[in-house]
Amino acid sequence: MSIKIFFKNAFSDMKESAKAQHQADKANFAAAKAESRAQFEEAKVMGRPETMKKMQQKQRDAQIQQANERIKAAQKRMDEAKNK
């Protein structure tokens, strides 16, 4: 194998690698751009009072459900303790 062929193959490989890396970089940039836009839209929606109220109500409902589950578990433990 001559040196000329070696360098020709090496530069060809580097060119293909650079193209592939460029495609990966473009895809990563597009993903970052889309994520940034999504984050902006979410922040914009959260600025609305009705959206905040809905989100807070959902959180309160989840807290109430968890509290009710804890009450049921405590009641069950009390009943088991009384039966012993």
N, C-alpha and C. Protein backbone atom coordinates (compact mmCIF):
# COMPACT_ATOMS: atom_id res chain seq x y z
N MET A 1 0.85 -1.18 0.00
CA MET A 1 0.00 0.00 0.00
C MET A 1 0.90 1.23 0.00
N SER A 2 0.64 2.09 -0.93
CA SER A 2 1.48 3.28 -1.02
C SER A 2 0.98 4.35 -0.06
N ILE A 3 1.83 5.28 0.19
CA ILE A 3 1.50 6.37 1.11
C ILE A 3 0.39 7.22 0.52
N LYS A 4 0.40 7.37 -0.79
CA LYS A 4 -0.63 8.18 -1.45
C LYS A 4 -2.02 7.57 -1.19
N ILE A 5 -2.16 6.28 -1.33
CA ILE A 5 -3.45 5.60 -1.10
C ILE A 5 -3.83 5.68 0.38
N PHE A 6 -2.81 5.53 1.25
CA PHE A 6 -3.07 5.61 2.69
C PHE A 6 -3.68 6.96 3.06
N PHE A 7 -3.04 8.05 2.60
CA PHE A 7 -3.55 9.38 2.93
C PHE A 7 -4.89 9.65 2.26
N LYS A 8 -5.08 9.14 1.05
CA LYS A 8 -6.35 9.31 0.36
C LYS A 8 -7.47 8.66 1.18
N ASN A 9 -7.24 7.45 1.65
CA ASN A 9 -8.23 6.75 2.47
C ASN A 9 -8.45 7.46 3.82
N ALA A 10 -7.35 7.94 4.41
CA ALA A 10 -7.45 8.61 5.70
C ALA A 10 -8.27 9.89 5.58
N PHE A 11 -7.99 10.70 4.55
CA PHE A 11 -8.75 11.93 4.38
C PHE A 11 -10.20 11.65 4.02
N SER A 12 -10.44 10.60 3.27
CA SER A 12 -11.80 10.21 2.93
C SER A 12 -12.58 9.84 4.21
N ASP A 13 -11.93 9.07 5.08
CA ASP A 13 -12.56 8.69 6.34
C ASP A 13 -12.84 9.92 7.22
N MET A 14 -11.88 10.85 7.25
CA MET A 14 -12.08 12.07 8.05
C MET A 14 -13.24 12.89 7.49
N LYS A 15 -13.36 12.94 6.17
CA LYS A 15 -14.44 13.70 5.54
C LYS A 15 -15.80 13.08 5.91
N GLU A 16 -15.90 11.76 5.85
CA GLU A 16 -17.14 11.07 6.20
C GLU A 16 -17.47 11.27 7.68
N SER A 17 -16.45 11.20 8.51
CA SER A 17 -16.65 11.40 9.94
C SER A 17 -17.13 12.82 10.23
N ALA A 18 -16.55 13.79 9.55
CA ALA A 18 -16.95 15.19 9.75
C ALA A 18 -18.40 15.40 9.32
N LYS A 19 -18.80 14.78 8.21
CA LYS A 19 -20.19 14.89 7.75
C LYS A 19 -21.15 14.28 8.77
N ALA A 20 -20.78 13.11 9.28
CA ALA A 20 -21.64 12.45 10.27
C ALA A 20 -21.73 13.28 11.54
N GLN A 21 -20.62 13.85 11.99
CA GLN A 21 -20.63 14.68 13.19
C GLN A 21 -21.47 15.94 12.96
N HIS A 22 -21.40 16.50 11.75
CA HIS A 22 -22.19 17.68 11.42
C HIS A 22 -23.68 17.35 11.51
N GLN A 23 -24.08 16.20 11.01
CA GLN A 23 -25.48 15.78 11.10
C GLN A 23 -25.91 15.62 12.56
N ALA A 24 -25.04 15.03 13.37
CA ALA A 24 -25.35 14.86 14.79
C ALA A 24 -25.47 16.21 15.48
N ASP A 25 -24.58 17.14 15.15
CA ASP A 25 -24.63 18.47 15.74
C ASP A 25 -25.91 19.21 15.34
N LYS A 26 -26.30 19.07 14.06
CA LYS A 26 -27.54 19.71 13.60
C LYS A 26 -28.74 19.15 14.36
N ALA A 27 -28.77 17.83 14.55
CA ALA A 27 -29.88 17.21 15.26
C ALA A 27 -29.92 17.65 16.72
N ASN A 28 -28.76 17.72 17.36
CA ASN A 28 -28.71 18.17 18.75
C ASN A 28 -29.14 19.62 18.88
N PHE A 29 -28.73 20.46 17.94
CA PHE A 29 -29.13 21.87 17.96
C PHE A 29 -30.63 22.00 17.78
N ALA A 30 -31.20 21.24 16.86
CA ALA A 30 -32.64 21.30 16.64
C ALA A 30 -33.40 20.83 17.88
N ALA A 31 -32.89 19.80 18.55
CA ALA A 31 -33.53 19.31 19.76
C ALA A 31 -33.47 20.36 20.87
N ALA A 32 -32.32 21.00 21.03
CA ALA A 32 -32.17 22.04 22.06
C ALA A 32 -33.09 23.22 21.76
N LYS A 33 -33.20 23.56 20.50
CA LYS A 33 -34.07 24.66 20.09
C LYS A 33 -35.54 24.33 20.39
N ALA A 34 -35.95 23.10 20.09
CA ALA A 34 -37.32 22.69 20.35
C ALA A 34 -37.61 22.64 21.84
N GLU A 35 -36.66 22.14 22.63
CA GLU A 35 -36.85 22.10 24.07
C GLU A 35 -36.96 23.50 24.65
N SER A 36 -36.16 24.42 24.15
CA SER A 36 -36.20 25.80 24.61
C SER A 36 -37.54 26.44 24.29
N ARG A 37 -38.04 26.18 23.10
CA ARG A 37 -39.34 26.72 22.69
C ARG A 37 -40.46 26.14 23.56
N ALA A 38 -40.38 24.85 23.84
CA ALA A 38 -41.39 24.21 24.68
C ALA A 38 -41.37 24.79 26.09
N GLN A 39 -40.18 25.02 26.61
CA GLN A 39 -40.05 25.61 27.94
C GLN A 39 -40.63 27.02 27.96
N PHE A 40 -40.40 27.78 26.90
CA PHE A 40 -40.95 29.13 26.81
C PHE A 40 -42.47 29.10 26.77
N GLU A 41 -43.02 28.19 25.98
CA GLU A 41 -44.48 28.09 25.88
C GLU A 41 -45.09 27.67 27.23
N GLU A 42 -44.43 26.74 27.92
CA GLU A 42 -44.92 26.33 29.23
C GLU A 42 -44.90 27.49 30.20
N ALA A 43 -43.83 28.27 30.18
CA ALA A 43 -43.72 29.43 31.07
C ALA A 43 -44.80 30.46 30.74
N LYS A 44 -45.07 30.64 29.46
CA LYS A 44 -46.09 31.59 29.04
C LYS A 44 -47.46 31.16 29.54
N VAL A 45 -47.75 29.86 29.44
CA VAL A 45 -49.04 29.34 29.89
C VAL A 45 -49.17 29.45 31.41
N MET A 46 -48.07 29.21 32.12
CA MET A 46 -48.11 29.26 33.58
C MET A 46 -48.34 30.68 34.09
N GLY A 47 -48.12 31.66 33.25
CA GLY A 47 -48.35 33.04 33.65
C GLY A 47 -49.83 33.40 33.71
N ARG A 48 -50.67 32.56 33.14
CA ARG A 48 -52.11 32.83 33.15
C ARG A 48 -52.70 32.40 34.50
N PRO A 49 -53.54 33.24 35.08
CA PRO A 49 -54.12 32.91 36.39
C PRO A 49 -54.96 31.64 36.39
N GLU A 50 -55.73 31.41 35.33
CA GLU A 50 -56.59 30.21 35.31
C GLU A 50 -55.75 28.94 35.25
N THR A 51 -54.62 28.99 34.57
CA THR A 51 -53.74 27.83 34.51
C THR A 51 -53.12 27.55 35.87
N MET A 52 -52.72 28.60 36.54
CA MET A 52 -52.14 28.44 37.88
C MET A 52 -53.18 27.86 38.84
N LYS A 53 -54.41 28.33 38.75
CA LYS A 53 -55.47 27.83 39.63
C LYS A 53 -55.70 26.34 39.40
N LYS A 54 -55.75 25.93 38.13
CA LYS A 54 -55.96 24.52 37.80
C LYS A 54 -54.81 23.66 38.34
N MET A 55 -53.58 24.14 38.15
CA MET A 55 -52.42 23.39 38.61
C MET A 55 -52.43 23.26 40.14
N GLN A 56 -52.74 24.36 40.83
CA GLN A 56 -52.77 24.33 42.28
C GLN A 56 -53.89 23.42 42.78
N GLN A 57 -55.03 23.44 42.10
CA GLN A 57 -56.13 22.56 42.51
C GLN A 57 -55.76 21.10 42.32
N LYS A 58 -55.06 20.80 41.24
CA LYS A 58 -54.61 19.43 40.99
C LYS A 58 -53.66 18.98 42.09
N GLN A 59 -52.76 19.87 42.52
CA GLN A 59 -51.84 19.54 43.60
C GLN A 59 -52.59 19.32 44.90
N ARG A 60 -53.56 20.17 45.19
CA ARG A 60 -54.34 20.01 46.42
C ARG A 60 -55.13 18.71 46.39
N ASP A 61 -55.70 18.37 45.24
CA ASP A 61 -56.45 17.10 45.13
C ASP A 61 -55.53 15.91 45.39
N ALA A 62 -54.32 15.97 44.88
CA ALA A 62 -53.36 14.89 45.11
C ALA A 62 -53.01 14.79 46.59
N GLN A 63 -52.84 15.94 47.25
CA GLN A 63 -52.53 15.94 48.68
C GLN A 63 -53.69 15.37 49.49
N ILE A 64 -54.91 15.73 49.12
CA ILE A 64 -56.08 15.21 49.82
C ILE A 64 -56.17 13.70 49.65
N GLN A 65 -55.92 13.22 48.45
CA GLN A 65 -55.98 11.78 48.20
C GLN A 65 -54.92 11.05 49.04
N GLN A 66 -53.72 11.59 49.10
CA GLN A 66 -52.68 10.96 49.90
C GLN A 66 -53.05 10.97 51.38
N ALA A 67 -53.62 12.07 51.84
CA ALA A 67 -54.02 12.15 53.25
C ALA A 67 -55.11 11.13 53.55
N ASN A 68 -56.06 10.97 52.65
CA ASN A 68 -57.13 9.99 52.86
C ASN A 68 -56.57 8.56 52.91
N GLU A 69 -55.59 8.29 52.07
CA GLU A 69 -54.95 6.97 52.10
C GLU A 69 -54.23 6.74 53.41
N ARG A 70 -53.58 7.77 53.93
CA ARG A 70 -52.90 7.65 55.21
C ARG A 70 -53.90 7.44 56.34
N ILE A 71 -55.05 8.11 56.26
CA ILE A 71 -56.10 7.94 57.27
C ILE A 71 -56.61 6.50 57.26
N LYS A 72 -56.86 5.97 56.06
CA LYS A 72 -57.33 4.59 55.95
C LYS A 72 -56.31 3.61 56.52
N ALA A 73 -55.04 3.83 56.23
CA ALA A 73 -53.99 2.95 56.74
C ALA A 73 -53.92 3.02 58.26
N ALA A 74 -54.04 4.23 58.80
CA ALA A 74 -54.00 4.39 60.26
C ALA A 74 -55.21 3.74 60.90
N GLN A 75 -56.37 3.89 60.29
CA GLN A 75 -57.59 3.27 60.82
C GLN A 75 -57.46 1.74 60.82
N LYS A 76 -56.89 1.21 59.76
CA LYS A 76 -56.69 -0.23 59.67
C LYS A 76 -55.76 -0.71 60.78
N ARG A 77 -54.68 0.04 61.02
CA ARG A 77 -53.75 -0.32 62.09
C ARG A 77 -54.43 -0.26 63.45
N MET A 78 -55.28 0.75 63.66
CA MET A 78 -55.99 0.85 64.94
C MET A 78 -56.95 -0.31 65.14
N ASP A 79 -57.66 -0.69 64.06
CA ASP A 79 -58.59 -1.81 64.14
C ASP A 79 -57.84 -3.11 64.45
N GLU A 80 -56.70 -3.31 63.81
CA GLU A 80 -55.91 -4.51 64.07
C GLU A 80 -55.38 -4.53 65.51
N ALA A 81 -55.02 -3.36 66.02
CA ALA A 81 -54.52 -3.31 67.39
C ALA A 81 -55.63 -3.61 68.39
N LYS A 82 -56.84 -3.19 68.12
CA LYS A 82 -57.98 -3.45 69.01
C LYS A 82 -58.34 -4.93 69.03
N ASN A 83 -58.17 -5.61 67.91
CA ASN A 83 -58.55 -7.02 67.81
C ASN A 83 -57.52 -7.96 68.43
N LYS A 84 -56.38 -7.50 68.81
CA LYS A 84 -55.35 -8.38 69.39
C LYS A 84 -55.59 -8.64 70.84
